[in-house]
Full PDB file with SEQRES, HELIX, SHEET, SSBOND, CRYST1, ORIGX, SCALE, CONECT and MASTER records, all heavy atoms in Angstrom:
SEQRES   1 A   39  LEU MET GLY GLY THR TYR ILE SER LEU LEU PRO GLY GLY          
SEQRES   2 A   39  SER GLU THR MET LEU LYS ASN GLY ASP ILE ILE LEU ASP          
SEQRES   3 A   39  THR GLN GLY SER MET ASP MET MET GLY LEU VAL GLY GLN          
HELIX    1 AA1 MET A   33  GLY A   38  1                                   6    
CRYST1    1.000    1.000    1.000  90.00  90.00  90.00 P 1           1          
ORIGX1      1.000000  0.000000  0.000000        0.00000                         
ORIGX2      0.000000  1.000000  0.000000        0.00000                         
ORIGX3      0.000000  0.000000  1.000000        0.00000                         
SCALE1      1.000000  0.000000  0.000000        0.00000                         
SCALE2      0.000000  1.000000  0.000000        0.00000                         
SCALE3      0.000000  0.000000  1.000000        0.00000                         
ATOM      1  N   LEU A   1      -9.762 -51.200 -56.168  1.00  0.00           N  
ATOM      2  CA  LEU A   1     -11.116 -50.761 -56.501  1.00  0.00           C  
ATOM      3  C   LEU A   1     -12.185 -51.608 -55.832  1.00  0.00           C  
ATOM      4  O   LEU A   1     -13.185 -51.102 -55.364  1.00  0.00           O  
ATOM      5  CB  LEU A   1     -11.320 -50.792 -58.022  1.00  0.00           C  
ATOM      6  CG  LEU A   1     -10.654 -49.653 -58.782  1.00  0.00           C  
ATOM      7  CD1 LEU A   1     -10.860 -49.830 -60.280  1.00  0.00           C  
ATOM      8  CD2 LEU A   1     -11.191 -48.314 -58.332  1.00  0.00           C  
ATOM      9  N   MET A   2     -11.978 -52.903 -55.789  1.00  0.00           N  
ATOM     10  CA  MET A   2     -12.986 -53.791 -55.215  1.00  0.00           C  
ATOM     11  C   MET A   2     -12.556 -54.361 -53.863  1.00  0.00           C  
ATOM     12  O   MET A   2     -13.241 -55.203 -53.305  1.00  0.00           O  
ATOM     13  CB  MET A   2     -13.284 -54.945 -56.180  1.00  0.00           C  
ATOM     14  CG  MET A   2     -13.765 -54.486 -57.550  1.00  0.00           C  
ATOM     15  SD  MET A   2     -15.226 -53.469 -57.468  1.00  0.00           S  
ATOM     16  CE  MET A   2     -16.469 -54.709 -57.357  1.00  0.00           C  
ATOM     17  N   GLY A   3     -11.417 -53.893 -53.329  1.00  0.00           N  
ATOM     18  CA  GLY A   3     -10.893 -54.445 -52.086  1.00  0.00           C  
ATOM     19  C   GLY A   3     -11.532 -53.817 -50.866  1.00  0.00           C  
ATOM     20  O   GLY A   3     -12.293 -52.858 -50.940  1.00  0.00           O  
ATOM     21  N   GLY A   4     -11.190 -54.362 -49.726  1.00  0.00           N  
ATOM     22  CA  GLY A   4     -11.714 -53.872 -48.462  1.00  0.00           C  
ATOM     23  C   GLY A   4     -10.998 -52.613 -48.000  1.00  0.00           C  
ATOM     24  O   GLY A   4      -9.943 -52.233 -48.499  1.00  0.00           O  
ATOM     25  N   THR A   5     -11.586 -51.950 -47.028  1.00  0.00           N  
ATOM     26  CA  THR A   5     -11.041 -50.729 -46.457  1.00  0.00           C  
ATOM     27  C   THR A   5     -10.249 -51.067 -45.202  1.00  0.00           C  
ATOM     28  O   THR A   5     -10.609 -51.959 -44.451  1.00  0.00           O  
ATOM     29  CB  THR A   5     -12.195 -49.772 -46.099  1.00  0.00           C  
ATOM     30  OG1 THR A   5     -12.947 -49.523 -47.287  1.00  0.00           O  
ATOM     31  CG2 THR A   5     -11.693 -48.464 -45.559  1.00  0.00           C  
ATOM     32  N   TYR A   6      -9.150 -50.343 -44.983  1.00  0.00           N  
ATOM     33  CA  TYR A   6      -8.377 -50.486 -43.757  1.00  0.00           C  
ATOM     34  C   TYR A   6      -7.748 -49.152 -43.407  1.00  0.00           C  
ATOM     35  O   TYR A   6      -7.766 -48.206 -44.199  1.00  0.00           O  
ATOM     36  CB  TYR A   6      -7.320 -51.592 -43.869  1.00  0.00           C  
ATOM     37  CG  TYR A   6      -6.223 -51.314 -44.869  1.00  0.00           C  
ATOM     38  CD1 TYR A   6      -5.024 -50.739 -44.466  1.00  0.00           C  
ATOM     39  CD2 TYR A   6      -6.367 -51.635 -46.206  1.00  0.00           C  
ATOM     40  CE1 TYR A   6      -4.011 -50.481 -45.377  1.00  0.00           C  
ATOM     41  CE2 TYR A   6      -5.367 -51.393 -47.121  1.00  0.00           C  
ATOM     42  CZ  TYR A   6      -4.188 -50.820 -46.697  1.00  0.00           C  
ATOM     43  OH  TYR A   6      -3.192 -50.569 -47.599  1.00  0.00           O  
ATOM     44  N   ILE A   7      -7.200 -49.052 -42.207  1.00  0.00           N  
ATOM     45  CA  ILE A   7      -6.525 -47.836 -41.780  1.00  0.00           C  
ATOM     46  C   ILE A   7      -5.032 -48.097 -41.809  1.00  0.00           C  
ATOM     47  O   ILE A   7      -4.544 -49.045 -41.192  1.00  0.00           O  
ATOM     48  CB  ILE A   7      -6.989 -47.415 -40.379  1.00  0.00           C  
ATOM     49  CG1 ILE A   7      -8.479 -47.115 -40.441  1.00  0.00           C  
ATOM     50  CG2 ILE A   7      -6.195 -46.217 -39.883  1.00  0.00           C  
ATOM     51  CD1 ILE A   7      -9.106 -46.787 -39.143  1.00  0.00           C  
ATOM     52  N   SER A   8      -4.329 -47.261 -42.544  1.00  0.00           N  
ATOM     53  CA  SER A   8      -2.888 -47.382 -42.676  1.00  0.00           C  
ATOM     54  C   SER A   8      -2.215 -46.384 -41.747  1.00  0.00           C  
ATOM     55  O   SER A   8      -2.465 -45.176 -41.838  1.00  0.00           O  
ATOM     56  CB  SER A   8      -2.481 -47.112 -44.129  1.00  0.00           C  
ATOM     57  OG  SER A   8      -1.081 -47.156 -44.254  1.00  0.00           O  
ATOM     58  N   LEU A   9      -1.395 -46.881 -40.828  1.00  0.00           N  
ATOM     59  CA  LEU A   9      -0.603 -46.012 -39.969  1.00  0.00           C  
ATOM     60  C   LEU A   9       0.755 -45.802 -40.620  1.00  0.00           C  
ATOM     61  O   LEU A   9       1.426 -46.767 -40.988  1.00  0.00           O  
ATOM     62  CB  LEU A   9      -0.400 -46.645 -38.587  1.00  0.00           C  
ATOM     63  CG  LEU A   9      -1.547 -46.580 -37.600  1.00  0.00           C  
ATOM     64  CD1 LEU A   9      -1.144 -47.235 -36.285  1.00  0.00           C  
ATOM     65  CD2 LEU A   9      -2.007 -45.170 -37.360  1.00  0.00           C  
ATOM     66  N   LEU A  10       1.142 -44.548 -40.773  1.00  0.00           N  
ATOM     67  CA  LEU A  10       2.436 -44.209 -41.344  1.00  0.00           C  
ATOM     68  C   LEU A  10       3.299 -43.650 -40.228  1.00  0.00           C  
ATOM     69  O   LEU A  10       3.064 -42.529 -39.751  1.00  0.00           O  
ATOM     70  CB  LEU A  10       2.265 -43.189 -42.467  1.00  0.00           C  
ATOM     71  CG  LEU A  10       1.308 -43.623 -43.574  1.00  0.00           C  
ATOM     72  CD1 LEU A  10       0.968 -42.452 -44.472  1.00  0.00           C  
ATOM     73  CD2 LEU A  10       1.904 -44.754 -44.365  1.00  0.00           C  
ATOM     74  N   PRO A  11       4.308 -44.422 -39.760  1.00  0.00           N  
ATOM     75  CA  PRO A  11       5.126 -43.985 -38.631  1.00  0.00           C  
ATOM     76  C   PRO A  11       5.880 -42.699 -38.935  1.00  0.00           C  
ATOM     77  O   PRO A  11       6.387 -42.497 -40.028  1.00  0.00           O  
ATOM     78  CB  PRO A  11       6.096 -45.145 -38.411  1.00  0.00           C  
ATOM     79  CG  PRO A  11       5.438 -46.318 -39.056  1.00  0.00           C  
ATOM     80  CD  PRO A  11       4.652 -45.762 -40.208  1.00  0.00           C  
ATOM     81  N   GLY A  12       5.928 -41.829 -37.945  1.00  0.00           N  
ATOM     82  CA  GLY A  12       6.666 -40.581 -38.050  1.00  0.00           C  
ATOM     83  C   GLY A  12       8.098 -40.774 -37.568  1.00  0.00           C  
ATOM     84  O   GLY A  12       8.597 -41.888 -37.470  1.00  0.00           O  
ATOM     85  N   GLY A  13       8.749 -39.665 -37.234  1.00  0.00           N  
ATOM     86  CA  GLY A  13      10.149 -39.726 -36.820  1.00  0.00           C  
ATOM     87  C   GLY A  13      10.397 -39.282 -35.389  1.00  0.00           C  
ATOM     88  O   GLY A  13      11.544 -39.148 -34.973  1.00  0.00           O  
ATOM     89  N   SER A  14       9.336 -39.055 -34.622  1.00  0.00           N  
ATOM     90  CA  SER A  14       9.482 -38.568 -33.256  1.00  0.00           C  
ATOM     91  C   SER A  14      10.113 -39.618 -32.351  1.00  0.00           C  
ATOM     92  O   SER A  14       9.959 -40.819 -32.566  1.00  0.00           O  
ATOM     93  CB  SER A  14       8.114 -38.177 -32.702  1.00  0.00           C  
ATOM     94  OG  SER A  14       8.203 -37.804 -31.349  1.00  0.00           O  
ATOM     95  N   GLU A  15      10.811 -39.141 -31.356  1.00  0.00           N  
ATOM     96  CA  GLU A  15      11.388 -40.048 -30.361  1.00  0.00           C  
ATOM     97  C   GLU A  15      10.363 -40.406 -29.289  1.00  0.00           C  
ATOM     98  O   GLU A  15      10.553 -41.356 -28.552  1.00  0.00           O  
ATOM     99  CB  GLU A  15      12.626 -39.406 -29.743  1.00  0.00           C  
ATOM    100  CG  GLU A  15      13.648 -39.039 -30.783  1.00  0.00           C  
ATOM    101  CD  GLU A  15      15.042 -39.470 -30.427  1.00  0.00           C  
ATOM    102  OE1 GLU A  15      15.253 -39.951 -29.310  1.00  0.00           O  
ATOM    103  OE2 GLU A  15      15.897 -39.339 -31.302  1.00  0.00           O  
ATOM    104  N   THR A  16       9.285 -39.625 -29.197  1.00  0.00           N  
ATOM    105  CA  THR A  16       8.211 -39.893 -28.250  1.00  0.00           C  
ATOM    106  C   THR A  16       7.240 -40.877 -28.896  1.00  0.00           C  
ATOM    107  O   THR A  16       6.858 -40.714 -30.051  1.00  0.00           O  
ATOM    108  CB  THR A  16       7.453 -38.588 -27.908  1.00  0.00           C  
ATOM    109  OG1 THR A  16       8.379 -37.610 -27.490  1.00  0.00           O  
ATOM    110  CG2 THR A  16       6.416 -38.834 -26.836  1.00  0.00           C  
ATOM    111  N   MET A  17       6.845 -41.885 -28.160  1.00  0.00           N  
ATOM    112  CA  MET A  17       5.966 -42.927 -28.688  1.00  0.00           C  
ATOM    113  C   MET A  17       4.517 -42.717 -28.242  1.00  0.00           C  
ATOM    114  O   MET A  17       4.263 -42.088 -27.222  1.00  0.00           O  
ATOM    115  CB  MET A  17       6.442 -44.311 -28.223  1.00  0.00           C  
ATOM    116  CG  MET A  17       7.854 -44.650 -28.652  1.00  0.00           C  
ATOM    117  SD  MET A  17       8.015 -44.615 -30.425  1.00  0.00           S  
ATOM    118  CE  MET A  17       9.727 -44.233 -30.636  1.00  0.00           C  
ATOM    119  N   LEU A  18       3.587 -43.231 -29.041  1.00  0.00           N  
ATOM    120  CA  LEU A  18       2.172 -43.179 -28.681  1.00  0.00           C  
ATOM    121  C   LEU A  18       1.938 -43.984 -27.413  1.00  0.00           C  
ATOM    122  O   LEU A  18       2.512 -45.058 -27.226  1.00  0.00           O  
ATOM    123  CB  LEU A  18       1.307 -43.763 -29.797  1.00  0.00           C  
ATOM    124  CG  LEU A  18       1.060 -42.896 -31.031  1.00  0.00           C  
ATOM    125  CD1 LEU A  18       0.315 -43.699 -32.087  1.00  0.00           C  
ATOM    126  CD2 LEU A  18       0.285 -41.645 -30.678  1.00  0.00           C  
ATOM    127  N   LYS A  19       1.073 -43.432 -26.547  1.00  0.00           N  
ATOM    128  CA  LYS A  19       0.693 -44.116 -25.315  1.00  0.00           C  
ATOM    129  C   LYS A  19      -0.818 -44.312 -25.314  1.00  0.00           C  
ATOM    130  O   LYS A  19      -1.532 -43.704 -26.111  1.00  0.00           O  
ATOM    131  CB  LYS A  19       1.097 -43.286 -24.102  1.00  0.00           C  
ATOM    132  CG  LYS A  19       2.577 -43.000 -23.986  1.00  0.00           C  
ATOM    133  CD  LYS A  19       2.917 -42.192 -22.745  1.00  0.00           C  
ATOM    134  CE  LYS A  19       2.220 -40.885 -22.610  1.00  0.00           C  
ATOM    135  NZ  LYS A  19       2.573 -39.774 -23.424  1.00  0.00           N  
ATOM    136  N   ASN A  20      -1.287 -45.142 -24.417  1.00  0.00           N  
ATOM    137  CA  ASN A  20      -2.714 -45.388 -24.280  1.00  0.00           C  
ATOM    138  C   ASN A  20      -3.446 -44.070 -24.049  1.00  0.00           C  
ATOM    139  O   ASN A  20      -3.068 -43.294 -23.177  1.00  0.00           O  
ATOM    140  CB  ASN A  20      -2.969 -46.355 -23.126  1.00  0.00           C  
ATOM    141  CG  ASN A  20      -4.348 -46.949 -23.171  1.00  0.00           C  
ATOM    142  OD1 ASN A  20      -4.914 -47.142 -24.239  1.00  0.00           O  
ATOM    143  ND2 ASN A  20      -4.901 -47.244 -22.008  1.00  0.00           N  
ATOM    144  N   GLY A  21      -4.462 -43.795 -24.854  1.00  0.00           N  
ATOM    145  CA  GLY A  21      -5.257 -42.587 -24.710  1.00  0.00           C  
ATOM    146  C   GLY A  21      -4.791 -41.422 -25.567  1.00  0.00           C  
ATOM    147  O   GLY A  21      -5.445 -40.378 -25.592  1.00  0.00           O  
ATOM    148  N   ASP A  22      -3.669 -41.551 -26.275  1.00  0.00           N  
ATOM    149  CA  ASP A  22      -3.174 -40.466 -27.118  1.00  0.00           C  
ATOM    150  C   ASP A  22      -4.069 -40.258 -28.335  1.00  0.00           C  
ATOM    151  O   ASP A  22      -4.873 -41.111 -28.693  1.00  0.00           O  
ATOM    152  CB  ASP A  22      -1.742 -40.741 -27.588  1.00  0.00           C  
ATOM    153  CG  ASP A  22      -0.707 -40.446 -26.513  1.00  0.00           C  
ATOM    154  OD1 ASP A  22      -1.081 -39.904 -25.449  1.00  0.00           O  
ATOM    155  OD2 ASP A  22       0.482 -40.754 -26.740  1.00  0.00           O  
ATOM    156  N   ILE A  23      -3.875 -39.110 -28.989  1.00  0.00           N  
ATOM    157  CA  ILE A  23      -4.644 -38.747 -30.180  1.00  0.00           C  
ATOM    158  C   ILE A  23      -3.691 -38.607 -31.356  1.00  0.00           C  
ATOM    159  O   ILE A  23      -2.660 -37.946 -31.252  1.00  0.00           O  
ATOM    160  CB  ILE A  23      -5.408 -37.424 -29.955  1.00  0.00           C  
ATOM    161  CG1 ILE A  23      -6.411 -37.581 -28.810  1.00  0.00           C  
ATOM    162  CG2 ILE A  23      -6.111 -36.982 -31.226  1.00  0.00           C  
ATOM    163  CD1 ILE A  23      -7.065 -36.285 -28.386  1.00  0.00           C  
ATOM    164  N   ILE A  24      -4.060 -39.228 -32.468  1.00  0.00           N  
ATOM    165  CA  ILE A  24      -3.308 -39.068 -33.710  1.00  0.00           C  
ATOM    166  C   ILE A  24      -3.862 -37.819 -34.390  1.00  0.00           C  
ATOM    167  O   ILE A  24      -5.050 -37.757 -34.711  1.00  0.00           O  
ATOM    168  CB  ILE A  24      -3.453 -40.309 -34.614  1.00  0.00           C  
ATOM    169  CG1 ILE A  24      -2.873 -41.533 -33.909  1.00  0.00           C  
ATOM    170  CG2 ILE A  24      -2.773 -40.069 -35.951  1.00  0.00           C  
ATOM    171  CD1 ILE A  24      -3.098 -42.832 -34.653  1.00  0.00           C  
ATOM    172  N   LEU A  25      -3.009 -36.824 -34.591  1.00  0.00           N  
ATOM    173  CA  LEU A  25      -3.463 -35.537 -35.118  1.00  0.00           C  
ATOM    174  C   LEU A  25      -3.513 -35.500 -36.648  1.00  0.00           C  
ATOM    175  O   LEU A  25      -4.372 -34.850 -37.221  1.00  0.00           O  
ATOM    176  CB  LEU A  25      -2.559 -34.415 -34.604  1.00  0.00           C  
ATOM    177  CG  LEU A  25      -2.527 -34.256 -33.081  1.00  0.00           C  
ATOM    178  CD1 LEU A  25      -1.517 -33.203 -32.680  1.00  0.00           C  
ATOM    179  CD2 LEU A  25      -3.911 -33.910 -32.553  1.00  0.00           C  
ATOM    180  N   ASP A  26      -2.590 -36.181 -37.305  1.00  0.00           N  
ATOM    181  CA  ASP A  26      -2.511 -36.149 -38.764  1.00  0.00           C  
ATOM    182  C   ASP A  26      -3.310 -37.320 -39.329  1.00  0.00           C  
ATOM    183  O   ASP A  26      -2.860 -38.460 -39.310  1.00  0.00           O  
ATOM    184  CB  ASP A  26      -1.049 -36.226 -39.197  1.00  0.00           C  
ATOM    185  CG  ASP A  26      -0.863 -36.063 -40.693  1.00  0.00           C  
ATOM    186  OD1 ASP A  26      -1.835 -35.689 -41.381  1.00  0.00           O  
ATOM    187  OD2 ASP A  26       0.249 -36.319 -41.182  1.00  0.00           O  
ATOM    188  N   THR A  27      -4.522 -37.022 -39.817  1.00  0.00           N  
ATOM    189  CA  THR A  27      -5.394 -38.071 -40.352  1.00  0.00           C  
ATOM    190  C   THR A  27      -5.875 -37.697 -41.748  1.00  0.00           C  
ATOM    191  O   THR A  27      -5.928 -36.520 -42.103  1.00  0.00           O  
ATOM    192  CB  THR A  27      -6.623 -38.297 -39.453  1.00  0.00           C  
ATOM    193  OG1 THR A  27      -7.375 -37.092 -39.387  1.00  0.00           O  
ATOM    194  CG2 THR A  27      -6.219 -38.743 -38.061  1.00  0.00           C  
ATOM    195  N   GLN A  28      -6.218 -38.713 -42.500  1.00  0.00           N  
ATOM    196  CA  GLN A  28      -6.773 -38.518 -43.840  1.00  0.00           C  
ATOM    197  C   GLN A  28      -7.964 -39.443 -43.985  1.00  0.00           C  
ATOM    198  O   GLN A  28      -7.862 -40.647 -43.757  1.00  0.00           O  
ATOM    199  CB  GLN A  28      -5.725 -38.835 -44.900  1.00  0.00           C  
ATOM    200  CG  GLN A  28      -6.222 -38.652 -46.311  1.00  0.00           C  
ATOM    201  CD  GLN A  28      -5.147 -38.980 -47.335  1.00  0.00           C  
ATOM    202  OE1 GLN A  28      -3.987 -39.135 -47.006  1.00  0.00           O  
ATOM    203  NE2 GLN A  28      -5.565 -39.114 -48.572  1.00  0.00           N  
ATOM    204  N   GLY A  29      -9.109 -38.878 -44.373  1.00  0.00           N  
ATOM    205  CA  GLY A  29     -10.335 -39.653 -44.510  1.00  0.00           C  
ATOM    206  C   GLY A  29     -10.345 -40.510 -45.762  1.00  0.00           C  
ATOM    207  O   GLY A  29      -9.428 -40.479 -46.584  1.00  0.00           O  
ATOM    208  N   SER A  30     -11.411 -41.257 -45.908  1.00  0.00           N  
ATOM    209  CA  SER A  30     -11.541 -42.157 -47.054  1.00  0.00           C  
ATOM    210  C   SER A  30     -12.007 -41.408 -48.296  1.00  0.00           C  
ATOM    211  O   SER A  30     -12.646 -40.367 -48.213  1.00  0.00           O  
ATOM    212  CB  SER A  30     -12.506 -43.296 -46.729  1.00  0.00           C  
ATOM    213  OG  SER A  30     -13.779 -42.776 -46.445  1.00  0.00           O  
ATOM    214  N   MET A  31     -11.662 -41.962 -49.435  1.00  0.00           N  
ATOM    215  CA  MET A  31     -12.094 -41.399 -50.711  1.00  0.00           C  
ATOM    216  C   MET A  31     -13.472 -41.964 -51.048  1.00  0.00           C  
ATOM    217  O   MET A  31     -13.732 -43.142 -50.805  1.00  0.00           O  
ATOM    218  CB  MET A  31     -11.111 -41.783 -51.821  1.00  0.00           C  
ATOM    219  CG  MET A  31      -9.712 -41.266 -51.606  1.00  0.00           C  
ATOM    220  SD  MET A  31      -9.599 -39.503 -51.768  1.00  0.00           S  
ATOM    221  CE  MET A  31      -9.631 -39.349 -53.517  1.00  0.00           C  
ATOM    222  N   ASP A  32     -14.321 -41.148 -51.626  1.00  0.00           N  
ATOM    223  CA  ASP A  32     -15.642 -41.595 -52.067  1.00  0.00           C  
ATOM    224  C   ASP A  32     -15.500 -42.124 -53.488  1.00  0.00           C  
ATOM    225  O   ASP A  32     -15.548 -41.374 -54.459  1.00  0.00           O  
ATOM    226  CB  ASP A  32     -16.629 -40.437 -52.001  1.00  0.00           C  
ATOM    227  CG  ASP A  32     -18.035 -40.832 -52.413  1.00  0.00           C  
ATOM    228  OD1 ASP A  32     -18.300 -42.048 -52.535  1.00  0.00           O  
ATOM    229  OD2 ASP A  32     -18.853 -39.931 -52.611  1.00  0.00           O  
ATOM    230  N   MET A  33     -15.272 -43.437 -53.614  1.00  0.00           N  
ATOM    231  CA  MET A  33     -15.031 -44.047 -54.920  1.00  0.00           C  
ATOM    232  C   MET A  33     -16.231 -43.888 -55.860  1.00  0.00           C  
ATOM    233  O   MET A  33     -16.065 -43.628 -57.040  1.00  0.00           O  
ATOM    234  CB  MET A  33     -14.682 -45.528 -54.768  1.00  0.00           C  
ATOM    235  CG  MET A  33     -13.374 -45.769 -54.031  1.00  0.00           C  
ATOM    236  SD  MET A  33     -11.972 -44.979 -54.820  1.00  0.00           S  
ATOM    237  CE  MET A  33     -11.706 -46.089 -56.166  1.00  0.00           C  
ATOM    238  N   MET A  34     -17.440 -44.014 -55.333  1.00  0.00           N  
ATOM    239  CA  MET A  34     -18.618 -43.871 -56.188  1.00  0.00           C  
ATOM    240  C   MET A  34     -18.735 -42.445 -56.710  1.00  0.00           C  
ATOM    241  O   MET A  34     -19.126 -42.224 -57.851  1.00  0.00           O  
ATOM    242  CB  MET A  34     -19.889 -44.283 -55.442  1.00  0.00           C  
ATOM    243  CG  MET A  34     -19.936 -45.769 -55.108  1.00  0.00           C  
ATOM    244  SD  MET A  34     -19.697 -46.837 -56.532  1.00  0.00           S  
ATOM    245  CE  MET A  34     -21.197 -46.551 -57.414  1.00  0.00           C  
ATOM    246  N   GLY A  35     -18.381 -41.463 -55.876  1.00  0.00           N  
ATOM    247  CA  GLY A  35     -18.391 -40.072 -56.320  1.00  0.00           C  
ATOM    248  C   GLY A  35     -17.361 -39.831 -57.411  1.00  0.00           C  
ATOM    249  O   GLY A  35     -17.627 -39.119 -58.388  1.00  0.00           O  
ATOM    250  N   LEU A  36     -16.178 -40.429 -57.263  1.00  0.00           N  
ATOM    251  CA  LEU A  36     -15.144 -40.279 -58.286  1.00  0.00           C  
ATOM    252  C   LEU A  36     -15.558 -40.929 -59.598  1.00  0.00           C  
ATOM    253  O   LEU A  36     -15.350 -40.362 -60.671  1.00  0.00           O  
ATOM    254  CB  LEU A  36     -13.826 -40.880 -57.799  1.00  0.00           C  
ATOM    255  CG  LEU A  36     -13.133 -40.144 -56.653  1.00  0.00           C  
ATOM    256  CD1 LEU A  36     -11.917 -40.928 -56.175  1.00  0.00           C  
ATOM    257  CD2 LEU A  36     -12.739 -38.749 -57.079  1.00  0.00           C  
ATOM    258  N   VAL A  37     -16.158 -42.106 -59.523  1.00  0.00           N  
ATOM    259  CA  VAL A  37     -16.625 -42.786 -60.736  1.00  0.00           C  
ATOM    260  C   VAL A  37     -17.735 -41.961 -61.387  1.00  0.00           C  
ATOM    261  O   VAL A  37     -17.760 -41.786 -62.609  1.00  0.00           O  
ATOM    262  CB  VAL A  37     -17.114 -44.221 -60.415  1.00  0.00           C  
ATOM    263  CG1 VAL A  37     -17.835 -44.840 -61.593  1.00  0.00           C  
ATOM    264  CG2 VAL A  37     -15.940 -45.082 -59.982  1.00  0.00           C  
ATOM    265  N   GLY A  38     -18.625 -41.406 -60.587  1.00  0.00           N  
ATOM    266  CA  GLY A  38     -19.692 -40.569 -61.116  1.00  0.00           C  
ATOM    267  C   GLY A  38     -19.150 -39.332 -61.813  1.00  0.00           C  
ATOM    268  O   GLY A  38     -19.659 -38.920 -62.860  1.00  0.00           O  
ATOM    269  N   GLN A  39     -18.105 -38.740 -61.249  1.00  0.00           N  
ATOM    270  CA  GLN A  39     -17.490 -37.583 -61.880  1.00  0.00           C  
ATOM    271  C   GLN A  39     -16.882 -37.956 -63.229  1.00  0.00           C  
ATOM    272  O   GLN A  39     -16.967 -37.193 -64.193  1.00  0.00           O  
ATOM    273  CB  GLN A  39     -16.411 -36.987 -60.980  1.00  0.00           C  
ATOM    274  CG  GLN A  39     -16.956 -36.204 -59.820  1.00  0.00           C  
ATOM    275  CD  GLN A  39     -15.860 -35.643 -58.943  1.00  0.00           C  
ATOM    276  OE1 GLN A  39     -14.678 -35.911 -59.147  1.00  0.00           O  
ATOM    277  NE2 GLN A  39     -16.255 -34.866 -57.946  1.00  0.00           N  
TER     278      GLN A  39                                                      
MASTER        0    0    0    1    0    0    0    6  277    1    0    3          
END                                                                             
């Protein structure tokens, strides 16, 4: 609740590895904690 924000990478199972310039397609944005508390 009071900690810092970071980006967590969750490794997949592909045999192909990320290279310089690649795009990560599966992303999830941050939660709005103040909005949740307000709700």
